[in-house]
């Protein structure tokens, strides 16, 4: 399974997720007596290669904000860059998640809208 996923160009994280799902499914099948042994437990999990992602410098962030000064989504970009929240977390924010007095944002959900920005 892992080699096939790797040959298909899937990331180490995707390979690890597939292995986890298969391990859990076979574990349940083993507990119910459908299989004699969960053979996935005999294998090593694939290594997940952590890639460093490029980040904006403060100067680049300022240039972005300046270029977007009239864009209706500027506040979203400001929050994204200052907090590091993921797209789904940003799109799920509601005013009830924001405490301007305390200067905090609480992530309580994920967007299911599938909106790209």
C-alpha atoms as a PDB file:
ATOM      1  CA  UNK A   1       0.000   0.000   0.000  1.00  0.00           C
ATOM      2  CA  UNK A   2       2.674   2.495   1.013  1.00  0.00           C
ATOM      3  CA  UNK A   3       4.804   1.860  -2.027  1.00  0.00           C
ATOM      4  CA  UNK A   4       1.803   2.219  -4.328  1.00  0.00           C
ATOM      5  CA  UNK A   5       0.871   5.525  -2.730  1.00  0.00           C
ATOM      6  CA  UNK A   6       4.468   6.735  -2.919  1.00  0.00           C
ATOM      7  CA  UNK A   7       4.668   5.686  -6.579  1.00  0.00           C
ATOM      8  CA  UNK A   8       1.472   7.642  -7.200  1.00  0.00           C
ATOM      9  CA  UNK A   9       3.196  10.721  -5.789  1.00  0.00           C
ATOM     10  CA  UNK A  10       1.221  10.876  -2.541  1.00  0.00           C
ATOM     11  CA  UNK A  11       2.845  12.685   0.368  1.00  0.00           C
ATOM     12  CA  UNK A  12       4.209  10.941   3.427  1.00  0.00           C
ATOM     13  CA  UNK A  13       1.361  12.418   5.432  1.00  0.00           C
ATOM     14  CA  UNK A  14      -1.229  10.937   3.046  1.00  0.00           C
ATOM     15  CA  UNK A  15       0.545   7.575   3.249  1.00  0.00           C
ATOM     16  CA  UNK A  16       0.542   7.746   7.051  1.00  0.00           C
ATOM     17  CA  UNK A  17      -3.169   8.615   7.104  1.00  0.00           C
ATOM     18  CA  UNK A  18      -4.009   5.693   4.798  1.00  0.00           C
ATOM     19  CA  UNK A  19      -1.966   3.348   7.016  1.00  0.00           C
ATOM     20  CA  UNK A  20      -3.747   4.635  10.138  1.00  0.00           C
ATOM     21  CA  UNK A  21      -7.177   4.043   8.601  1.00  0.00           C
ATOM     22  CA  UNK A  22      -6.211   0.534   7.483  1.00  0.00           C
ATOM     23  CA  UNK A  23      -4.632  -0.268  10.884  1.00  0.00           C
ATOM     24  CA  UNK A  24      -7.789   0.820  12.713  1.00  0.00           C
ATOM     25  CA  UNK A  25     -10.081  -1.069  10.355  1.00  0.00           C
ATOM     26  CA  UNK A  26      -8.046  -4.260  10.652  1.00  0.00           C
ATOM     27  CA  UNK A  27      -7.831  -3.787  14.420  1.00  0.00           C
ATOM     28  CA  UNK A  28     -11.605  -3.704  14.600  1.00  0.00           C
ATOM     29  CA  UNK A  29     -11.836  -6.717  12.282  1.00  0.00           C
ATOM     30  CA  UNK A  30      -9.365  -8.576  14.521  1.00  0.00           C
ATOM     31  CA  UNK A  31     -11.388  -7.771  17.657  1.00  0.00           C
ATOM     32  CA  UNK A  32     -14.533  -9.066  15.941  1.00  0.00           C
ATOM     33  CA  UNK A  33     -12.790 -12.251  14.813  1.00  0.00           C
ATOM     34  CA  UNK A  34     -12.915 -11.517  11.069  1.00  0.00           C
ATOM     35  CA  UNK A  35      -9.117 -11.705  10.698  1.00  0.00           C
ATOM     36  CA  UNK A  36      -6.559 -13.607  12.726  1.00  0.00           C
ATOM     37  CA  UNK A  37      -4.058 -10.782  12.948  1.00  0.00           C
ATOM     38  CA  UNK A  38      -3.709  -7.089  12.149  1.00  0.00           C
ATOM     39  CA  UNK A  39      -0.710  -7.264   9.831  1.00  0.00           C
ATOM     40  CA  UNK A  40      -0.437  -3.482   9.597  1.00  0.00           C
ATOM     41  CA  UNK A  41       0.989  -3.463  13.125  1.00  0.00           C
ATOM     42  CA  UNK A  42       3.968  -5.414  11.754  1.00  0.00           C
ATOM     43  CA  UNK A  43       4.944  -2.568   9.434  1.00  0.00           C
ATOM     44  CA  UNK A  44       6.709   0.707  10.077  1.00  0.00           C
ATOM     45  CA  UNK A  45       4.829   3.929   9.495  1.00  0.00           C
ATOM     46  CA  UNK A  46       6.136   5.944   6.555  1.00  0.00           C
ATOM     47  CA  UNK A  47       8.329   8.879   7.378  1.00  0.00           C
ATOM     48  CA  UNK A  48       6.672  12.237   7.018  1.00  0.00           C
ATOM     49  CA  UNK A  49       8.993  14.736   5.413  1.00  0.00           C
ATOM     50  CA  UNK A  50       8.493  18.099   7.028  1.00  0.00           C
ATOM     51  CA  UNK A  51       9.023  20.787   4.453  1.00  0.00           C
ATOM     52  CA  UNK A  52       9.774  24.311   5.452  1.00  0.00           C
ATOM     53  CA  UNK A  53       7.231  26.614   3.905  1.00  0.00           C
ATOM     54  CA  UNK A  54       8.104  30.102   2.803  1.00  0.00           C
ATOM     55  CA  UNK A  55       6.765  32.869   4.998  1.00  0.00           C
ATOM     56  CA  UNK A  56       6.387  36.556   4.324  1.00  0.00           C
ATOM     57  CA  UNK A  57       8.857  38.944   5.842  1.00  0.00           C
ATOM     58  CA  UNK A  58       7.370  41.905   7.719  1.00  0.00           C
ATOM     59  CA  UNK A  59       8.242  44.086   4.723  1.00  0.00           C
ATOM     60  CA  UNK A  60       6.453  41.718   2.311  1.00  0.00           C
ATOM     61  CA  UNK A  61       3.408  41.596   4.576  1.00  0.00           C
ATOM     62  CA  UNK A  62       3.285  45.418   4.613  1.00  0.00           C
ATOM     63  CA  UNK A  63       3.533  45.473   0.813  1.00  0.00           C
ATOM     64  CA  UNK A  64       0.668  42.983   0.604  1.00  0.00           C
ATOM     65  CA  UNK A  65      -1.489  45.022   2.966  1.00  0.00           C
ATOM     66  CA  UNK A  66      -0.696  48.217   1.045  1.00  0.00           C
ATOM     67  CA  UNK A  67      -1.618  46.549  -2.260  1.00  0.00           C
ATOM     68  CA  UNK A  68      -4.900  45.288  -0.795  1.00  0.00           C
ATOM     69  CA  UNK A  69      -5.884  48.481   1.041  1.00  0.00           C
ATOM     70  CA  UNK A  70      -9.235  48.697  -0.827  1.00  0.00           C
ATOM     71  CA  UNK A  71      -9.936  44.949  -0.934  1.00  0.00           C
ATOM     72  CA  UNK A  72     -12.938  43.796   1.096  1.00  0.00           C
ATOM     73  CA  UNK A  73     -10.940  40.750   2.262  1.00  0.00           C
ATOM     74  CA  UNK A  74      -8.045  42.780   3.692  1.00  0.00           C
ATOM     75  CA  UNK A  75      -9.117  42.048   7.315  1.00  0.00           C
ATOM     76  CA  UNK A  76      -9.085  38.324   6.519  1.00  0.00           C
ATOM     77  CA  UNK A  77      -5.523  38.549   5.185  1.00  0.00           C
ATOM     78  CA  UNK A  78      -4.422  40.584   8.202  1.00  0.00           C
ATOM     79  CA  UNK A  79      -5.814  37.983  10.605  1.00  0.00           C
ATOM     80  CA  UNK A  80      -4.314  35.152   8.520  1.00  0.00           C
ATOM     81  CA  UNK A  81      -0.826  36.616   8.517  1.00  0.00           C
ATOM     82  CA  UNK A  82      -0.867  37.672  12.159  1.00  0.00           C
ATOM     83  CA  UNK A  83      -2.265  34.397  13.520  1.00  0.00           C
ATOM     84  CA  UNK A  84      -1.212  31.668  11.094  1.00  0.00           C
ATOM     85  CA  UNK A  85      -4.751  30.271  11.022  1.00  0.00           C
ATOM     86  CA  UNK A  86      -5.579  27.896   8.195  1.00  0.00           C
ATOM     87  CA  UNK A  87      -8.106  28.728   5.491  1.00  0.00           C
ATOM     88  CA  UNK A  88     -10.935  26.665   6.989  1.00  0.00           C
ATOM     89  CA  UNK A  89     -10.354  28.162  10.431  1.00  0.00           C
ATOM     90  CA  UNK A  90     -10.374  31.708   9.053  1.00  0.00           C
ATOM     91  CA  UNK A  91     -13.539  31.182   7.040  1.00  0.00           C
ATOM     92  CA  UNK A  92     -15.319  29.677  10.042  1.00  0.00           C
ATOM     93  CA  UNK A  93     -14.706  32.710  12.288  1.00  0.00           C
ATOM     94  CA  UNK A  94     -17.730  34.525  13.644  1.00  0.00           C
ATOM     95  CA  UNK A  95     -17.934  37.755  15.594  1.00  0.00           C
ATOM     96  CA  UNK A  96     -18.707  35.685  18.697  1.00  0.00           C
ATOM     97  CA  UNK A  97     -15.184  34.210  18.341  1.00  0.00           C
ATOM     98  CA  UNK A  98     -13.570  37.664  18.583  1.00  0.00           C
ATOM     99  CA  UNK A  99     -12.914  39.519  21.832  1.00  0.00           C
ATOM    100  CA  UNK A 100     -11.585  42.941  20.832  1.00  0.00           C
ATOM    101  CA  UNK A 101     -11.151  43.984  24.471  1.00  0.00           C
ATOM    102  CA  UNK A 102      -8.893  41.054  25.286  1.00  0.00           C
ATOM    103  CA  UNK A 103      -7.326  41.018  21.814  1.00  0.00           C
ATOM    104  CA  UNK A 104      -8.152  37.345  21.306  1.00  0.00           C
ATOM    105  CA  UNK A 105      -9.705  35.170  18.631  1.00  0.00           C
ATOM    106  CA  UNK A 106     -11.030  31.733  19.566  1.00  0.00           C
ATOM    107  CA  UNK A 107     -11.210  29.128  16.826  1.00  0.00           C
ATOM    108  CA  UNK A 108     -14.384  27.128  17.375  1.00  0.00           C
ATOM    109  CA  UNK A 109     -15.072  25.582  13.981  1.00  0.00           C
ATOM    110  CA  UNK A 110     -14.097  24.887  10.424  1.00  0.00           C
ATOM    111  CA  UNK A 111     -15.727  26.202   7.301  1.00  0.00           C
ATOM    112  CA  UNK A 112     -17.440  23.699   5.086  1.00  0.00           C
ATOM    113  CA  UNK A 113     -18.133  26.278   2.424  1.00  0.00           C
ATOM    114  CA  UNK A 114     -15.229  25.259   0.214  1.00  0.00           C
ATOM    115  CA  UNK A 115     -14.491  28.894  -0.535  1.00  0.00           C
ATOM    116  CA  UNK A 116     -11.102  29.648  -2.063  1.00  0.00           C
ATOM    117  CA  UNK A 117      -9.427  32.980  -1.530  1.00  0.00           C
END
